[in-house]
Amino acid sequence: MVKTLLDSRIIGLIISFKFARKKGFELKKIEKPIYMRNVDETFNKKGPIEYTVEINIHYQGHKKRIEIGIIRDQK
């Protein structure tokens, strides 16, 4: 179990590749990479999301399975 804080002001959820591997998450390669843009509309320098993981979120007695994008740690 991993406890974390999620920032709900963003459009999608992402975690780092290094964190996902360290925690032993099963990475799923996506068919078409997702290119992220920063708030100033430039492309994110870490590159596209190429993998996702599915995890269970537990909050105040509720449980939901979600998919999170994986970003590279280095470019």
PDB file of N, CA and C in Angstrom:
ATOM      1  N   MET A   1       0.845  -1.172   0.000  1.00  0.00           N
ATOM      2  CA  MET A   1       0.000   0.000   0.000  1.00  0.00           C
ATOM      3  C   MET A   1       0.892   1.237   0.000  1.00  0.00           C
ATOM      4  N   VAL A   2       0.533   2.205  -0.823  1.00  0.00           N
ATOM      5  CA  VAL A   2       1.262   3.463  -0.929  1.00  0.00           C
ATOM      6  C   VAL A   2       0.315   4.583  -0.573  1.00  0.00           C
ATOM      7  N   LYS A   3       0.690   5.418   0.383  1.00  0.00           N
ATOM      8  CA  LYS A   3      -0.106   6.600   0.712  1.00  0.00           C
ATOM      9  C   LYS A   3       0.480   7.776  -0.046  1.00  0.00           C
ATOM     10  N   THR A   4      -0.392   8.567  -0.664  1.00  0.00           N
ATOM     11  CA  THR A   4       0.071   9.698  -1.463  1.00  0.00           C
ATOM     12  C   THR A   4      -0.975  10.796  -1.488  1.00  0.00           C
ATOM     13  N   LEU A   5      -0.572  11.965  -1.906  1.00  0.00           N
ATOM     14  CA  LEU A   5      -1.477  13.099  -2.072  1.00  0.00           C
ATOM     15  C   LEU A   5      -1.694  13.310  -3.558  1.00  0.00           C
ATOM     16  N   LEU A   6      -2.934  13.385  -3.980  1.00  0.00           N
ATOM     17  CA  LEU A   6      -3.261  13.635  -5.379  1.00  0.00           C
ATOM     18  C   LEU A   6      -3.702  15.077  -5.538  1.00  0.00           C
ATOM     19  N   ASP A   7      -3.184  15.734  -6.560  1.00  0.00           N
ATOM     20  CA  ASP A   7      -3.568  17.112  -6.868  1.00  0.00           C
ATOM     21  C   ASP A   7      -4.732  17.067  -7.849  1.00  0.00           C
ATOM     22  N   SER A   8      -5.921  17.388  -7.386  1.00  0.00           N
ATOM     23  CA  SER A   8      -7.117  17.254  -8.222  1.00  0.00           C
ATOM     24  C   SER A   8      -7.333  18.432  -9.174  1.00  0.00           C
ATOM     25  N   ARG A   9      -6.413  19.394  -9.211  1.00  0.00           N
ATOM     26  CA  ARG A   9      -6.576  20.541 -10.104  1.00  0.00           C
ATOM     27  C   ARG A   9      -6.050  20.269 -11.509  1.00  0.00           C
ATOM     28  N   ILE A  10      -5.487  19.098 -11.747  1.00  0.00           N
ATOM     29  CA  ILE A  10      -4.971  18.777 -13.070  1.00  0.00           C
ATOM     30  C   ILE A  10      -5.991  17.960 -13.848  1.00  0.00           C
ATOM     31  N   ILE A  11      -5.768  17.831 -15.137  1.00  0.00           N
ATOM     32  CA  ILE A  11      -6.703  17.114 -15.996  1.00  0.00           C
ATOM     33  C   ILE A  11      -6.561  15.602 -15.842  1.00  0.00           C
ATOM     34  N   GLY A  12      -5.341  15.105 -15.699  1.00  0.00           N
ATOM     35  CA  GLY A  12      -5.110  13.676 -15.576  1.00  0.00           C
ATOM     36  C   GLY A  12      -4.128  13.384 -14.461  1.00  0.00           C
ATOM     37  N   LEU A  13      -3.996  12.116 -14.132  1.00  0.00           N
ATOM     38  CA  LEU A  13      -3.074  11.706 -13.078  1.00  0.00           C
ATOM     39  C   LEU A  13      -1.829  11.093 -13.700  1.00  0.00           C
ATOM     40  N   ILE A  14      -0.664  11.461 -13.172  1.00  0.00           N
ATOM     41  CA  ILE A  14       0.591  10.910 -13.655  1.00  0.00           C
ATOM     42  C   ILE A  14       1.517  10.607 -12.490  1.00  0.00           C
ATOM     43  N   ILE A  15       2.384   9.629 -12.676  1.00  0.00           N
ATOM     44  CA  ILE A  15       3.450   9.321 -11.726  1.00  0.00           C
ATOM     45  C   ILE A  15       4.717   9.067 -12.525  1.00  0.00           C
ATOM     46  N   SER A  16       5.853   9.077 -11.861  1.00  0.00           N
ATOM     47  CA  SER A  16       7.116   8.870 -12.558  1.00  0.00           C
ATOM     48  C   SER A  16       7.364   7.391 -12.822  1.00  0.00           C
ATOM     49  N   PHE A  17       8.116   7.132 -13.887  1.00  0.00           N
ATOM     50  CA  PHE A  17       8.487   5.780 -14.270  1.00  0.00           C
ATOM     51  C   PHE A  17       9.272   5.118 -13.137  1.00  0.00           C
ATOM     52  N   LYS A  18      10.212   5.858 -12.559  1.00  0.00           N
ATOM     53  CA  LYS A  18      11.056   5.335 -11.477  1.00  0.00           C
ATOM     54  C   LYS A  18      10.204   4.910 -10.274  1.00  0.00           C
ATOM     55  N   PHE A  19       9.233   5.737  -9.890  1.00  0.00           N
ATOM     56  CA  PHE A  19       8.357   5.425  -8.761  1.00  0.00           C
ATOM     57  C   PHE A  19       7.526   4.173  -9.053  1.00  0.00           C
ATOM     58  N   ALA A  20       6.976   4.086 -10.266  1.00  0.00           N
ATOM     59  CA  ALA A  20       6.145   2.938 -10.644  1.00  0.00           C
ATOM     60  C   ALA A  20       6.941   1.640 -10.590  1.00  0.00           C
ATOM     61  N   ARG A  21       8.171   1.657 -11.101  1.00  0.00           N
ATOM     62  CA  ARG A  21       9.020   0.457 -11.081  1.00  0.00           C
ATOM     63  C   ARG A  21       9.424   0.091  -9.659  1.00  0.00           C
ATOM     64  N   LYS A  22       9.776   1.113  -8.862  1.00  0.00           N
ATOM     65  CA  LYS A  22      10.195   0.884  -7.471  1.00  0.00           C
ATOM     66  C   LYS A  22       9.076   0.218  -6.666  1.00  0.00           C
ATOM     67  N   LYS A  23       7.838   0.612  -6.919  1.00  0.00           N
ATOM     68  CA  LYS A  23       6.692   0.060  -6.191  1.00  0.00           C
ATOM     69  C   LYS A  23       6.169  -1.237  -6.797  1.00  0.00           C
ATOM     70  N   GLY A  24       6.756  -1.666  -7.919  1.00  0.00           N
ATOM     71  CA  GLY A  24       6.381  -2.938  -8.517  1.00  0.00           C
ATOM     72  C   GLY A  24       5.075  -2.923  -9.294  1.00  0.00           C
ATOM     73  N   PHE A  25       4.637  -1.756  -9.735  1.00  0.00           N
ATOM     74  CA  PHE A  25       3.412  -1.678 -10.532  1.00  0.00           C
ATOM     75  C   PHE A  25       3.619  -2.358 -11.879  1.00  0.00           C
ATOM     76  N   GLU A  26       2.577  -2.977 -12.396  1.00  0.00           N
ATOM     77  CA  GLU A  26       2.623  -3.590 -13.714  1.00  0.00           C
ATOM     78  C   GLU A  26       2.344  -2.514 -14.760  1.00  0.00           C
ATOM     79  N   LEU A  27       3.355  -2.214 -15.568  1.00  0.00           N
ATOM     80  CA  LEU A  27       3.226  -1.173 -16.578  1.00  0.00           C
ATOM     81  C   LEU A  27       2.551  -1.724 -17.823  1.00  0.00           C
ATOM     82  N   LYS A  28       1.645  -0.938 -18.388  1.00  0.00           N
ATOM     83  CA  LYS A  28       0.934  -1.331 -19.602  1.00  0.00           C
ATOM     84  C   LYS A  28       1.302  -0.338 -20.707  1.00  0.00           C
ATOM     85  N   LYS A  29       1.911  -0.829 -21.787  1.00  0.00           N
ATOM     86  CA  LYS A  29       2.286   0.023 -22.924  1.00  0.00           C
ATOM     87  C   LYS A  29       1.017   0.446 -23.643  1.00  0.00           C
ATOM     88  N   ILE A  30       0.893   1.749 -23.913  1.00  0.00           N
ATOM     89  CA  ILE A  30      -0.289   2.219 -24.626  1.00  0.00           C
ATOM     90  C   ILE A  30      -0.003   2.271 -26.123  1.00  0.00           C
ATOM     91  N   GLU A  31      -1.049   2.133 -26.916  1.00  0.00           N
ATOM     92  CA  GLU A  31      -0.916   2.050 -28.372  1.00  0.00           C
ATOM     93  C   GLU A  31      -0.378   3.337 -28.982  1.00  0.00           C
ATOM     94  N   LYS A  32      -0.885   4.476 -28.531  1.00  0.00           N
ATOM     95  CA  LYS A  32      -0.497   5.769 -29.110  1.00  0.00           C
ATOM     96  C   LYS A  32      -0.024   6.689 -27.980  1.00  0.00           C
ATOM     97  N   PRO A  33       1.233   7.168 -28.020  1.00  0.00           N
ATOM     98  CA  PRO A  33       1.733   8.046 -26.960  1.00  0.00           C
ATOM     99  C   PRO A  33       0.868   9.293 -26.774  1.00  0.00           C
ATOM    100  N   ILE A  34       0.794   9.779 -25.550  1.00  0.00           N
ATOM    101  CA  ILE A  34       0.038  10.992 -25.213  1.00  0.00           C
ATOM    102  C   ILE A  34       1.042  12.103 -24.945  1.00  0.00           C
ATOM    103  N   TYR A  35       1.026  13.125 -25.785  1.00  0.00           N
ATOM    104  CA  TYR A  35       1.949  14.248 -25.622  1.00  0.00           C
ATOM    105  C   TYR A  35       1.329  15.279 -24.686  1.00  0.00           C
ATOM    106  N   MET A  36       2.064  15.589 -23.624  1.00  0.00           N
ATOM    107  CA  MET A  36       1.567  16.529 -22.614  1.00  0.00           C
ATOM    108  C   MET A  36       2.025  17.947 -22.942  1.00  0.00           C
ATOM    109  N   ARG A  37       1.155  18.893 -22.624  1.00  0.00           N
ATOM    110  CA  ARG A  37       1.510  20.309 -22.768  1.00  0.00           C
ATOM    111  C   ARG A  37       1.525  20.956 -21.389  1.00  0.00           C
ATOM    112  N   ASN A  38       2.436  21.887 -21.228  1.00  0.00           N
ATOM    113  CA  ASN A  38       2.525  22.655 -19.992  1.00  0.00           C
ATOM    114  C   ASN A  38       1.487  23.769 -20.007  1.00  0.00           C
ATOM    115  N   VAL A  39       1.357  24.475 -18.910  1.00  0.00           N
ATOM    116  CA  VAL A  39       0.375  25.550 -18.807  1.00  0.00           C
ATOM    117  C   VAL A  39       0.630  26.649 -19.843  1.00  0.00           C
ATOM    118  N   ASP A  40       1.891  26.814 -20.285  1.00  0.00           N
ATOM    119  CA  ASP A  40       2.211  27.821 -21.306  1.00  0.00           C
ATOM    120  C   ASP A  40       2.093  27.274 -22.731  1.00  0.00           C
ATOM    121  N   GLU A  41       1.490  26.081 -22.878  1.00  0.00           N
ATOM    122  CA  GLU A  41       1.227  25.420 -24.160  1.00  0.00           C
ATOM    123  C   GLU A  41       2.455  24.793 -24.826  1.00  0.00           C
ATOM    124  N   THR A  42       3.634  24.830 -24.181  1.00  0.00           N
ATOM    125  CA  THR A  42       4.797  24.138 -24.729  1.00  0.00           C
ATOM    126  C   THR A  42       4.693  22.657 -24.378  1.00  0.00           C
ATOM    127  N   PHE A  43       5.343  21.799 -25.191  1.00  0.00           N
ATOM    128  CA  PHE A  43       5.349  20.376 -24.894  1.00  0.00           C
ATOM    129  C   PHE A  43       6.235  20.106 -23.679  1.00  0.00           C
ATOM    130  N   ASN A  44       5.821  19.185 -22.842  1.00  0.00           N
ATOM    131  CA  ASN A  44       6.589  18.833 -21.649  1.00  0.00           C
ATOM    132  C   ASN A  44       7.901  18.181 -22.065  1.00  0.00           C
ATOM    133  N   LYS A  45       9.013  18.630 -21.472  1.00  0.00           N
ATOM    134  CA  LYS A  45      10.335  18.151 -21.867  1.00  0.00           C
ATOM    135  C   LYS A  45      10.603  16.701 -21.473  1.00  0.00           C
ATOM    136  N   LYS A  46       9.787  16.112 -20.611  1.00  0.00           N
ATOM    137  CA  LYS A  46       9.983  14.713 -20.231  1.00  0.00           C
ATOM    138  C   LYS A  46       9.449  13.755 -21.284  1.00  0.00           C
ATOM    139  N   GLY A  47       8.790  14.280 -22.296  1.00  0.00           N
ATOM    140  CA  GLY A  47       8.296  13.441 -23.380  1.00  0.00           C
ATOM    141  C   GLY A  47       6.878  12.962 -23.145  1.00  0.00           C
ATOM    142  N   PRO A  48       6.400  12.112 -24.055  1.00  0.00           N
ATOM    143  CA  PRO A  48       5.012  11.660 -23.972  1.00  0.00           C
ATOM    144  C   PRO A  48       4.798  10.579 -22.919  1.00  0.00           C
ATOM    145  N   ILE A  49       3.544  10.372 -22.576  1.00  0.00           N
ATOM    146  CA  ILE A  49       3.158   9.234 -21.743  1.00  0.00           C
ATOM    147  C   ILE A  49       3.096   8.032 -22.684  1.00  0.00           C
ATOM    148  N   GLU A  50       3.861   6.990 -22.356  1.00  0.00           N
ATOM    149  CA  GLU A  50       3.896   5.794 -23.197  1.00  0.00           C
ATOM    150  C   GLU A  50       3.397   4.548 -22.455  1.00  0.00           C
ATOM    151  N   TYR A  51       3.260   4.669 -21.136  1.00  0.00           N
ATOM    152  CA  TYR A  51       2.800   3.556 -20.306  1.00  0.00           C
ATOM    153  C   TYR A  51       1.761   4.064 -19.315  1.00  0.00           C
ATOM    154  N   THR A  52       0.936   3.151 -18.836  1.00  0.00           N
ATOM    155  CA  THR A  52      -0.008   3.452 -17.761  1.00  0.00           C
ATOM    156  C   THR A  52       0.042   2.329 -16.736  1.00  0.00           C
ATOM    157  N   VAL A  53      -0.520   2.582 -15.560  1.00  0.00           N
ATOM    158  CA  VAL A  53      -0.725   1.553 -14.535  1.00  0.00           C
ATOM    159  C   VAL A  53      -2.157   1.687 -14.049  1.00  0.00           C
ATOM    160  N   GLU A  54      -2.729   0.584 -13.618  1.00  0.00           N
ATOM    161  CA  GLU A  54      -4.052   0.608 -12.993  1.00  0.00           C
ATOM    162  C   GLU A  54      -3.856   0.379 -11.505  1.00  0.00           C
ATOM    163  N   ILE A  55      -4.487   1.236 -10.700  1.00  0.00           N
ATOM    164  CA  ILE A  55      -4.366   1.112  -9.249  1.00  0.00           C
ATOM    165  C   ILE A  55      -5.737   1.295  -8.603  1.00  0.00           C
ATOM    166  N   ASN A  56      -5.824   0.844  -7.379  1.00  0.00           N
ATOM    167  CA  ASN A  56      -7.030   1.054  -6.578  1.00  0.00           C
ATOM    168  C   ASN A  56      -6.817   2.261  -5.678  1.00  0.00           C
ATOM    169  N   ILE A  57      -7.767   3.172  -5.667  1.00  0.00           N
ATOM    170  CA  ILE A  57      -7.746   4.332  -4.784  1.00  0.00           C
ATOM    171  C   ILE A  57      -8.746   4.064  -3.662  1.00  0.00           C
ATOM    172  N   HIS A  58      -8.295   4.233  -2.427  1.00  0.00           N
ATOM    173  CA  HIS A  58      -9.157   4.078  -1.256  1.00  0.00           C
ATOM    174  C   HIS A  58      -9.266   5.433  -0.561  1.00  0.00           C
ATOM    175  N   TYR A  59     -10.485   5.893  -0.350  1.00  0.00           N
ATOM    176  CA  TYR A  59     -10.686   7.188   0.318  1.00  0.00           C
ATOM    177  C   TYR A  59     -11.988   7.148   1.103  1.00  0.00           C
ATOM    178  N   GLN A  60     -11.874   7.334   2.397  1.00  0.00           N
ATOM    179  CA  GLN A  60     -13.020   7.392   3.303  1.00  0.00           C
ATOM    180  C   GLN A  60     -14.038   6.276   3.043  1.00  0.00           C
ATOM    181  N   GLY A  61     -13.548   5.061   2.986  1.00  0.00           N
ATOM    182  CA  GLY A  61     -14.426   3.907   2.815  1.00  0.00           C
ATOM    183  C   GLY A  61     -14.838   3.607   1.387  1.00  0.00           C
ATOM    184  N   HIS A  62     -14.397   4.402   0.437  1.00  0.00           N
ATOM    185  CA  HIS A  62     -14.716   4.181  -0.970  1.00  0.00           C
ATOM    186  C   HIS A  62     -13.493   3.616  -1.684  1.00  0.00           C
ATOM    187  N   LYS A  63     -13.727   2.814  -2.689  1.00  0.00           N
ATOM    188  CA  LYS A  63     -12.645   2.230  -3.477  1.00  0.00           C
ATOM    189  C   LYS A  63     -12.962   2.410  -4.957  1.00  0.00           C
ATOM    190  N   LYS A  64     -11.966   2.849  -5.715  1.00  0.00           N
ATOM    191  CA  LYS A  64     -12.152   3.036  -7.154  1.00  0.00           C
ATOM    192  C   LYS A  64     -10.874   2.615  -7.866  1.00  0.00           C
ATOM    193  N   ARG A  65     -11.006   1.921  -8.982  1.00  0.00           N
ATOM    194  CA  ARG A  65      -9.862   1.522  -9.801  1.00  0.00           C
ATOM    195  C   ARG A  65      -9.664   2.577 -10.885  1.00  0.00           C
ATOM    196  N   ILE A  66      -8.435   3.107 -10.980  1.00  0.00           N
ATOM    197  CA  ILE A  66      -8.144   4.155 -11.951  1.00  0.00           C
ATOM    198  C   ILE A  66      -6.882   3.826 -12.743  1.00  0.00           C
ATOM    199  N   GLU A  67      -6.736   4.489 -13.872  1.00  0.00           N
ATOM    200  CA  GLU A  67      -5.557   4.340 -14.715  1.00  0.00           C
ATOM    201  C   GLU A  67      -4.734   5.628 -14.620  1.00  0.00           C
ATOM    202  N   ILE A  68      -3.430   5.474 -14.388  1.00  0.00           N
ATOM    203  CA  ILE A  68      -2.536   6.617 -14.226  1.00  0.00           C
ATOM    204  C   ILE A  68      -1.449   6.556 -15.293  1.00  0.00           C
ATOM    205  N   GLY A  69      -1.149   7.703 -15.903  1.00  0.00           N
ATOM    206  CA  GLY A  69      -0.087   7.798 -16.901  1.00  0.00           C
ATOM    207  C   GLY A  69       1.283   7.799 -16.243  1.00  0.00           C
ATOM    208  N   ILE A  70       2.255   7.263 -16.956  1.00  0.00           N
ATOM    209  CA  ILE A  70       3.639   7.207 -16.472  1.00  0.00           C
ATOM    210  C   ILE A  70       4.475   8.195 -17.282  1.00  0.00           C
ATOM    211  N   ILE A  71       5.223   9.069 -16.579  1.00  0.00           N
ATOM    212  CA  ILE A  71       6.123   9.997 -17.260  1.00  0.00           C
ATOM    213  C   ILE A  71       7.563   9.552 -17.038  1.00  0.00           C
ATOM    214  N   ARG A  72       8.409   9.873 -17.966  1.00  0.00           N
ATOM    215  CA  ARG A  72       9.831   9.546 -17.848  1.00  0.00           C
ATOM    216  C   ARG A  72      10.463  10.395 -16.765  1.00  0.00           C
ATOM    217  N   ASP A  73      11.498   9.845 -16.138  1.00  0.00           N
ATOM    218  CA  ASP A  73      12.227  10.577 -15.107  1.00  0.00           C
ATOM    219  C   ASP A  73      13.306  11.457 -15.715  1.00  0.00           C
ATOM    220  N   GLN A  74      13.819  11.055 -16.875  1.00  0.00           N
ATOM    221  CA  GLN A  74      14.845  11.813 -17.556  1.00  0.00           C
ATOM    222  C   GLN A  74      14.559  11.814 -19.044  1.00  0.00           C
ATOM    223  N   LYS A  75      15.007  12.838 -19.711  1.00  0.00           N
ATOM    224  CA  LYS A  75      14.843  12.924 -21.179  1.00  0.00           C
ATOM    225  C   LYS A  75      16.200  13.071 -21.807  1.00  0.00           C
TER     226      LYS A  75
END
